[in-house]
C-alpha atoms as a PDB file:
ATOM      1  CA  UNK A   1      81.990  55.208 168.847  1.00  0.00           C
ATOM      2  CA  UNK A   2      82.258  58.179 166.504  1.00  0.00           C
ATOM      3  CA  UNK A   3      79.419  60.691 166.462  1.00  0.00           C
ATOM      4  CA  UNK A   4      77.832  61.626 163.162  1.00  0.00           C
ATOM      5  CA  UNK A   5      77.956  65.218 164.456  1.00  0.00           C
ATOM      6  CA  UNK A   6      81.763  65.212 164.668  1.00  0.00           C
ATOM      7  CA  UNK A   7      83.842  66.755 161.861  1.00  0.00           C
ATOM      8  CA  UNK A   8      86.890  64.655 161.074  1.00  0.00           C
ATOM      9  CA  UNK A   9      89.368  65.361 158.279  1.00  0.00           C
ATOM     10  CA  UNK A  10      89.360  62.711 155.588  1.00  0.00           C
ATOM     11  CA  UNK A  11      93.022  61.853 156.114  1.00  0.00           C
ATOM     12  CA  UNK A  12      92.867  61.584 159.918  1.00  0.00           C
ATOM     13  CA  UNK A  13      93.753  58.154 161.289  1.00  0.00           C
ATOM     14  CA  UNK A  14      91.457  56.940 164.070  1.00  0.00           C
ATOM     15  CA  UNK A  15      92.479  53.986 166.252  1.00  0.00           C
ATOM     16  CA  UNK A  16      90.339  51.135 167.500  1.00  0.00           C
ATOM     17  CA  UNK A  17      87.653  51.826 170.125  1.00  0.00           C
ATOM     18  CA  UNK A  18      88.130  55.595 170.024  1.00  0.00           C
ATOM     19  CA  UNK A  19      85.189  57.653 171.317  1.00  0.00           C
ATOM     20  CA  UNK A  20      84.561  60.934 169.499  1.00  0.00           C
ATOM     21  CA  UNK A  21      81.531  62.848 170.756  1.00  0.00           C
ATOM     22  CA  UNK A  22      79.155  65.401 169.234  1.00  0.00           C
ATOM     23  CA  UNK A  23      80.679  68.602 167.909  1.00  0.00           C
ATOM     24  CA  UNK A  24      84.297  67.443 167.977  1.00  0.00           C
ATOM     25  CA  UNK A  25      86.549  68.793 165.217  1.00  0.00           C
ATOM     26  CA  UNK A  26      89.648  66.826 164.155  1.00  0.00           C
ATOM     27  CA  UNK A  27      91.989  68.533 161.690  1.00  0.00           C
ATOM     28  CA  UNK A  28      94.031  67.283 158.765  1.00  0.00           C
ATOM     29  CA  UNK A  29      96.757  64.718 159.255  1.00  0.00           C
ATOM     30  CA  UNK A  30      95.849  63.826 162.836  1.00  0.00           C
ATOM     31  CA  UNK A  31      96.677  60.471 164.413  1.00  0.00           C
ATOM     32  CA  UNK A  32      94.208  59.405 167.093  1.00  0.00           C
ATOM     33  CA  UNK A  33      95.305  56.336 169.066  1.00  0.00           C
ATOM     34  CA  UNK A  34      93.384  53.356 170.371  1.00  0.00           C
ATOM     35  CA  UNK A  35      90.794  53.988 173.113  1.00  0.00           C
ATOM     36  CA  UNK A  36      91.228  57.772 172.918  1.00  0.00           C
ATOM     37  CA  UNK A  37      88.236  59.776 174.195  1.00  0.00           C
ATOM     38  CA  UNK A  38      87.466  63.178 172.652  1.00  0.00           C
ATOM     39  CA  UNK A  39      84.663  64.783 174.643  1.00  0.00           C
ATOM     40  CA  UNK A  40      81.939  67.083 173.350  1.00  0.00           C
ATOM     41  CA  UNK A  41      82.993  70.029 171.145  1.00  0.00           C
ATOM     42  CA  UNK A  42      86.743  69.431 171.571  1.00  0.00           C
ATOM     43  CA  UNK A  43      88.849  71.150 168.894  1.00  0.00           C
ATOM     44  CA  UNK A  44      91.897  69.303 167.576  1.00  0.00           C
ATOM     45  CA  UNK A  45      94.140  71.212 165.156  1.00  0.00           C
ATOM     46  CA  UNK A  46      96.002  69.757 162.194  1.00  0.00           C
ATOM     47  CA  UNK A  47      98.777  67.150 162.392  1.00  0.00           C
ATOM     48  CA  UNK A  48      98.133  66.422 166.058  1.00  0.00           C
ATOM     49  CA  UNK A  49      99.146  63.076 167.549  1.00  0.00           C
ATOM     50  CA  UNK A  50      97.075  61.737 170.447  1.00  0.00           C
ATOM     51  CA  UNK A  51      98.327  58.471 171.915  1.00  0.00           C
ATOM     52  CA  UNK A  52      96.341  55.542 173.301  1.00  0.00           C
ATOM     53  CA  UNK A  53      93.895  56.050 176.197  1.00  0.00           C
ATOM     54  CA  UNK A  54      94.251  59.841 176.317  1.00  0.00           C
ATOM     55  CA  UNK A  55      91.151  61.859 177.239  1.00  0.00           C
ATOM     56  CA  UNK A  56      90.613  65.380 175.864  1.00  0.00           C
ATOM     57  CA  UNK A  57      87.796  67.648 177.029  1.00  0.00           C
ATOM     58  CA  UNK A  58      87.041  65.938 180.331  1.00  0.00           C
ATOM     59  CA  UNK A  59      84.593  67.819 182.541  1.00  0.00           C
ATOM     60  CA  UNK A  60      85.942  68.648 186.017  1.00  0.00           C
ATOM     61  CA  UNK A  61      84.609  66.804 189.035  1.00  0.00           C
ATOM     62  CA  UNK A  62      83.304  68.874 191.942  1.00  0.00           C
ATOM     63  CA  UNK A  63      83.333  67.362 195.401  1.00  0.00           C
ATOM     64  CA  UNK A  64      81.070  68.702 198.137  1.00  0.00           C
ATOM     65  CA  UNK A  65      84.036  70.528 199.662  1.00  0.00           C
ATOM     66  CA  UNK A  66      85.935  71.530 196.505  1.00  0.00           C
ATOM     67  CA  UNK A  67      87.712  74.841 197.042  1.00  0.00           C
ATOM     68  CA  UNK A  68      88.370  76.003 193.464  1.00  0.00           C
ATOM     69  CA  UNK A  69      86.106  73.960 191.161  1.00  0.00           C
ATOM     70  CA  UNK A  70      82.890  75.676 190.044  1.00  0.00           C
ATOM     71  CA  UNK A  71      79.684  74.526 188.349  1.00  0.00           C
ATOM     72  CA  UNK A  72      79.806  76.861 185.324  1.00  0.00           C
ATOM     73  CA  UNK A  73      79.792  75.764 181.709  1.00  0.00           C
ATOM     74  CA  UNK A  74      83.320  75.679 180.296  1.00  0.00           C
ATOM     75  CA  UNK A  75      84.467  76.292 176.723  1.00  0.00           C
ATOM     76  CA  UNK A  76      85.673  73.384 174.639  1.00  0.00           C
ATOM     77  CA  UNK A  77      89.208  72.075 175.013  1.00  0.00           C
ATOM     78  CA  UNK A  78      91.527  73.216 172.215  1.00  0.00           C
ATOM     79  CA  UNK A  79      94.693  71.492 171.011  1.00  0.00           C
ATOM     80  CA  UNK A  80      96.921  73.491 168.642  1.00  0.00           C
ATOM     81  CA  UNK A  81      98.434  72.341 165.368  1.00  0.00           C
ATOM     82  CA  UNK A  82     101.289  69.874 165.620  1.00  0.00           C
ATOM     83  CA  UNK A  83     100.792  69.096 169.301  1.00  0.00           C
ATOM     84  CA  UNK A  84     101.520  65.687 170.822  1.00  0.00           C
ATOM     85  CA  UNK A  85      99.408  64.219 173.624  1.00  0.00           C
ATOM     86  CA  UNK A  86     100.797  61.164 175.416  1.00  0.00           C
ATOM     87  CA  UNK A  87      99.252  57.929 176.616  1.00  0.00           C
ATOM     88  CA  UNK A  88      96.781  58.339 179.503  1.00  0.00           C
ATOM     89  CA  UNK A  89      97.146  62.130 179.417  1.00  0.00           C
ATOM     90  CA  UNK A  90      94.027  64.002 180.568  1.00  0.00           C
ATOM     91  CA  UNK A  91      93.248  67.466 179.187  1.00  0.00           C
ATOM     92  CA  UNK A  92      90.184  69.071 180.754  1.00  0.00           C
ATOM     93  CA  UNK A  93      87.438  71.050 179.119  1.00  0.00           C
ATOM     94  CA  UNK A  94      88.405  74.730 179.139  1.00  0.00           C
ATOM     95  CA  UNK A  95      92.116  74.027 178.601  1.00  0.00           C
ATOM     96  CA  UNK A  96      93.927  75.447 175.581  1.00  0.00           C
ATOM     97  CA  UNK A  97      97.272  74.122 174.313  1.00  0.00           C
ATOM     98  CA  UNK A  98      99.301  76.052 171.743  1.00  0.00           C
ATOM     99  CA  UNK A  99     100.963  74.816 168.589  1.00  0.00           C
ATOM    100  CA  UNK A 100     103.594  72.068 168.857  1.00  0.00           C
ATOM    101  CA  UNK A 101     103.095  71.553 172.589  1.00  0.00           C
ATOM    102  CA  UNK A 102     103.872  68.195 174.159  1.00  0.00           C
ATOM    103  CA  UNK A 103     101.765  66.852 177.011  1.00  0.00           C
ATOM    104  CA  UNK A 104     103.588  63.639 177.883  1.00  0.00           C
ATOM    105  CA  UNK A 105     102.235  60.323 179.171  1.00  0.00           C
ATOM    106  CA  UNK A 106     100.006  60.646 182.256  1.00  0.00           C
ATOM    107  CA  UNK A 107     100.118  64.446 182.288  1.00  0.00           C
ATOM    108  CA  UNK A 108      97.016  66.210 183.626  1.00  0.00           C
ATOM    109  CA  UNK A 109      96.057  69.724 182.527  1.00  0.00           C
ATOM    110  CA  UNK A 110      93.012  71.164 184.270  1.00  0.00           C
ATOM    111  CA  UNK A 111      90.309  73.599 183.168  1.00  0.00           C
ATOM    112  CA  UNK A 112      91.049  77.309 182.633  1.00  0.00           C
ATOM    113  CA  UNK A 113      94.682  76.588 181.742  1.00  0.00           C
ATOM    114  CA  UNK A 114      96.486  78.041 178.739  1.00  0.00           C
ATOM    115  CA  UNK A 115      99.788  76.620 177.520  1.00  0.00           C
ATOM    116  CA  UNK A 116     101.944  78.525 175.032  1.00  0.00           C
ATOM    117  CA  UNK A 117     103.419  77.117 171.852  1.00  0.00           C
ATOM    118  CA  UNK A 118     106.304  74.622 171.912  1.00  0.00           C
ATOM    119  CA  UNK A 119     106.002  74.082 175.652  1.00  0.00           C
ATOM    120  CA  UNK A 120     106.661  70.664 177.180  1.00  0.00           C
ATOM    121  CA  UNK A 121     104.456  69.345 179.984  1.00  0.00           C
ATOM    122  CA  UNK A 122     106.388  66.278 181.128  1.00  0.00           C
ATOM    123  CA  UNK A 123     105.368  62.792 182.172  1.00  0.00           C
ATOM    124  CA  UNK A 124     103.093  62.747 185.205  1.00  0.00           C
ATOM    125  CA  UNK A 125     102.990  66.549 185.548  1.00  0.00           C
ATOM    126  CA  UNK A 126      99.836  68.065 187.050  1.00  0.00           C
ATOM    127  CA  UNK A 127      98.803  71.590 186.098  1.00  0.00           C
ATOM    128  CA  UNK A 128      95.871  72.664 188.253  1.00  0.00           C
ATOM    129  CA  UNK A 129      93.119  75.066 187.194  1.00  0.00           C
ATOM    130  CA  UNK A 130      93.441  78.819 186.503  1.00  0.00           C
ATOM    131  CA  UNK A 131      97.084  78.630 185.384  1.00  0.00           C
ATOM    132  CA  UNK A 132      98.910  80.349 182.543  1.00  0.00           C
ATOM    133  CA  UNK A 133     102.039  78.786 181.098  1.00  0.00           C
ATOM    134  CA  UNK A 134     104.118  80.586 178.492  1.00  0.00           C
ATOM    135  CA  UNK A 135     105.817  79.496 175.291  1.00  0.00           C
ATOM    136  CA  UNK A 136     108.995  77.402 174.966  1.00  0.00           C
ATOM    137  CA  UNK A 137     108.843  76.383 178.622  1.00  0.00           C
ATOM    138  CA  UNK A 138     109.765  72.959 180.028  1.00  0.00           C
ATOM    139  CA  UNK A 139     107.990  71.443 183.026  1.00  0.00           C
ATOM    140  CA  UNK A 140     109.608  68.101 183.727  1.00  0.00           C
ATOM    141  CA  UNK A 141     108.345  64.795 185.119  1.00  0.00           C
ATOM    142  CA  UNK A 142     106.102  64.725 188.195  1.00  0.00           C
ATOM    143  CA  UNK A 143     106.182  68.465 188.847  1.00  0.00           C
ATOM    144  CA  UNK A 144     103.050  69.917 190.468  1.00  0.00           C
ATOM    145  CA  UNK A 145     101.815  73.340 189.351  1.00  0.00           C
ATOM    146  CA  UNK A 146      99.236  74.621 191.816  1.00  0.00           C
ATOM    147  CA  UNK A 147      96.087  76.535 190.862  1.00  0.00           C
ATOM    148  CA  UNK A 148      96.346  80.283 190.151  1.00  0.00           C
ATOM    149  CA  UNK A 149      99.984  80.082 189.042  1.00  0.00           C
ATOM    150  CA  UNK A 150     101.680  81.946 186.198  1.00  0.00           C
ATOM    151  CA  UNK A 151     104.781  80.574 184.482  1.00  0.00           C
ATOM    152  CA  UNK A 152     106.368  82.736 181.809  1.00  0.00           C
ATOM    153  CA  UNK A 153     108.137  82.040 178.533  1.00  0.00           C
ATOM    154  CA  UNK A 154     111.325  79.946 178.370  1.00  0.00           C
ATOM    155  CA  UNK A 155     111.134  78.784 181.974  1.00  0.00           C
ATOM    156  CA  UNK A 156     112.523  75.494 183.278  1.00  0.00           C
ATOM    157  CA  UNK A 157     110.802  73.529 186.039  1.00  0.00           C
ATOM    158  CA  UNK A 158     112.810  70.421 186.987  1.00  0.00           C
ATOM    159  CA  UNK A 159     111.390  67.021 188.007  1.00  0.00           C
ATOM    160  CA  UNK A 160     109.514  66.785 191.280  1.00  0.00           C
ATOM    161  CA  UNK A 161     109.072  70.523 191.890  1.00  0.00           C
ATOM    162  CA  UNK A 162     106.057  71.270 194.106  1.00  0.00           C
ATOM    163  CA  UNK A 163     104.229  74.593 194.203  1.00  0.00           C
ATOM    164  CA  UNK A 164     101.495  75.580 196.666  1.00  0.00           C
ATOM    165  CA  UNK A 165      98.743  78.186 196.989  1.00  0.00           C
ATOM    166  CA  UNK A 166      97.231  77.842 200.482  1.00  0.00           C
ATOM    167  CA  UNK A 167      99.070  79.216 203.514  1.00  0.00           C
ATOM    168  CA  UNK A 168      96.191  78.042 205.715  1.00  0.00           C
ATOM    169  CA  UNK A 169      96.756  74.358 204.826  1.00  0.00           C
ATOM    170  CA  UNK A 170      93.071  73.740 204.244  1.00  0.00           C
ATOM    171  CA  UNK A 171      91.776  75.323 207.473  1.00  0.00           C
ATOM    172  CA  UNK A 172      89.387  78.270 208.073  1.00  0.00           C
ATOM    173  CA  UNK A 173      87.069  79.911 205.557  1.00  0.00           C
ATOM    174  CA  UNK A 174      89.396  82.906 205.448  1.00  0.00           C
ATOM    175  CA  UNK A 175      91.733  80.940 203.213  1.00  0.00           C
ATOM    176  CA  UNK A 176      89.324  81.262 200.262  1.00  0.00           C
ATOM    177  CA  UNK A 177      90.129  84.975 200.033  1.00  0.00           C
ATOM    178  CA  UNK A 178      93.875  84.373 200.000  1.00  0.00           C
ATOM    179  CA  UNK A 179      94.546  81.594 197.499  1.00  0.00           C
ATOM    180  CA  UNK A 180      97.585  82.634 195.499  1.00  0.00           C
ATOM    181  CA  UNK A 181      99.742  80.489 193.268  1.00  0.00           C
ATOM    182  CA  UNK A 182     103.342  81.049 192.296  1.00  0.00           C
ATOM    183  CA  UNK A 183     104.783  83.260 189.568  1.00  0.00           C
ATOM    184  CA  UNK A 184     107.853  82.286 187.574  1.00  0.00           C
ATOM    185  CA  UNK A 185     108.899  85.155 185.341  1.00  0.00           C
ATOM    186  CA  UNK A 186     110.498  84.799 181.917  1.00  0.00           C
ATOM    187  CA  UNK A 187     113.509  82.500 181.951  1.00  0.00           C
ATOM    188  CA  UNK A 188     113.126  81.546 185.609  1.00  0.00           C
ATOM    189  CA  UNK A 189     114.471  78.110 186.558  1.00  0.00           C
ATOM    190  CA  UNK A 190     113.674  75.833 189.493  1.00  0.00           C
ATOM    191  CA  UNK A 191     115.861  72.843 190.395  1.00  0.00           C
ATOM    192  CA  UNK A 192     114.681  69.313 191.112  1.00  0.00           C
ATOM    193  CA  UNK A 193     112.623  68.639 194.217  1.00  0.00           C
ATOM    194  CA  UNK A 194     112.230  72.266 195.264  1.00  0.00           C
ATOM    195  CA  UNK A 195     109.137  73.500 197.114  1.00  0.00           C
ATOM    196  CA  UNK A 196     107.727  76.952 196.319  1.00  0.00           C
ATOM    197  CA  UNK A 197     105.316  78.438 198.872  1.00  0.00           C
ATOM    198  CA  UNK A 198     102.127  80.407 198.071  1.00  0.00           C
ATOM    199  CA  UNK A 199     102.434  83.794 196.422  1.00  0.00           C
ATOM    200  CA  UNK A 200     106.173  83.587 195.774  1.00  0.00           C
ATOM    201  CA  UNK A 201     107.620  85.165 192.626  1.00  0.00           C
ATOM    202  CA  UNK A 202     110.730  83.741 190.987  1.00  0.00           C
ATOM    203  CA  UNK A 203     112.210  86.686 189.095  1.00  0.00           C
ATOM    204  CA  UNK A 204     113.245  86.844 185.461  1.00  0.00           C
ATOM    205  CA  UNK A 205     116.278  84.645 184.744  1.00  0.00           C
ATOM    206  CA  UNK A 206     116.520  83.660 188.434  1.00  0.00           C
ATOM    207  CA  UNK A 207     117.639  80.177 189.478  1.00  0.00           C
ATOM    208  CA  UNK A 208     116.423  78.153 192.467  1.00  0.00           C
ATOM    209  CA  UNK A 209     118.843  75.358 193.373  1.00  0.00           C
ATOM    210  CA  UNK A 210     117.632  71.780 193.738  1.00  0.00           C
ATOM    211  CA  UNK A 211     115.977  70.829 197.012  1.00  0.00           C
ATOM    212  CA  UNK A 212     115.288  74.395 198.130  1.00  0.00           C
ATOM    213  CA  UNK A 213     112.246  75.568 200.095  1.00  0.00           C
ATOM    214  CA  UNK A 214     111.358  79.025 198.795  1.00  0.00           C
ATOM    215  CA  UNK A 215     109.394  81.155 201.268  1.00  0.00           C
ATOM    216  CA  UNK A 216     109.902  84.602 199.734  1.00  0.00           C
ATOM    217  CA  UNK A 217     110.484  86.195 196.335  1.00  0.00           C
ATOM    218  CA  UNK A 218     113.719  85.568 194.458  1.00  0.00           C
ATOM    219  CA  UNK A 219     115.168  88.609 192.689  1.00  0.00           C
ATOM    220  CA  UNK A 220     115.758  88.595 188.934  1.00  0.00           C
ATOM    221  CA  UNK A 221     119.074  87.044 187.828  1.00  0.00           C
ATOM    222  CA  UNK A 222     119.899  85.737 191.300  1.00  0.00           C
ATOM    223  CA  UNK A 223     120.682  82.200 192.494  1.00  0.00           C
ATOM    224  CA  UNK A 224     118.807  81.104 195.625  1.00  0.00           C
ATOM    225  CA  UNK A 225     119.311  77.906 197.606  1.00  0.00           C
ATOM    226  CA  UNK A 226     118.593  76.291 200.935  1.00  0.00           C
ATOM    227  CA  UNK A 227     115.713  75.832 203.367  1.00  0.00           C
ATOM    228  CA  UNK A 228     114.585  78.520 203.629  1.00  0.00           C
ATOM    229  CA  UNK A 229     116.129  79.627 200.353  1.00  0.00           C
ATOM    230  CA  UNK A 230     118.448  82.641 200.386  1.00  0.00           C
ATOM    231  CA  UNK A 231     119.982  84.544 197.510  1.00  0.00           C
ATOM    232  CA  UNK A 232     123.695  83.783 197.331  1.00  0.00           C
ATOM    233  CA  UNK A 233     125.062  85.156 194.058  1.00  0.00           C
ATOM    234  CA  UNK A 234     124.103  86.360 190.568  1.00  0.00           C
ATOM    235  CA  UNK A 235     123.290  83.855 187.853  1.00  0.00           C
ATOM    236  CA  UNK A 236     126.398  83.362 185.674  1.00  0.00           C
ATOM    237  CA  UNK A 237     126.333  85.618 182.620  1.00  0.00           C
ATOM    238  CA  UNK A 238     126.649  82.704 180.206  1.00  0.00           C
ATOM    239  CA  UNK A 239     123.384  81.217 181.562  1.00  0.00           C
ATOM    240  CA  UNK A 240     121.227  84.312 181.005  1.00  0.00           C
ATOM    241  CA  UNK A 241     118.606  84.156 178.259  1.00  0.00           C
ATOM    242  CA  UNK A 242     120.164  87.067 176.408  1.00  0.00           C
ATOM    243  CA  UNK A 243     123.311  84.991 175.929  1.00  0.00           C
ATOM    244  CA  UNK A 244     121.668  81.836 174.623  1.00  0.00           C
END
């Protein structure tokens, strides 16, 4: 079903059984796969590829006890020029992806999230609401980015990394005043399977070793490892961003 109120470039290719709702804009040279759903007012730039069964512009669901999901009207989802959206990826209303981003198969990007240009959101990654992700960053398969997090430019988040924002583990009303995601500053790197606790900052060019549990801030340009993670040495000079 394609709405008569949608604006679709004449050279865009639309797959079978796609649903394109009122107010959607699809730019030049786009490839829209089979069974793709583009919800109301979604903006798709030029030369964007959206693979089968992806959904762009989904409205968030609010359960009776949702902690961070509101009832307000959200702006349209926006996908920048040259982006690629994988099969079964879900991009919520109110999300904005920059030019040449990749949101891989089964990735989920929630409302009030911005993603910088040329950033990769890997297969099965979840980015919760109210997050900012910089440019040229890689977040690899099955990582979980908790709400209220900030990840800078040229960061690397390895597969299976888990971040958290609630030190009260879902108990007491006091927790609502203290939600705080994680911050990964420019060039910060986190190894596979690490767990980052609420409010922690990973400093610029810092490195967290695989399997670490990070309970406190990691200084810029330092390597931290263990459970709990401790700083053990400086990051090797040849690995610093300035030397790439």
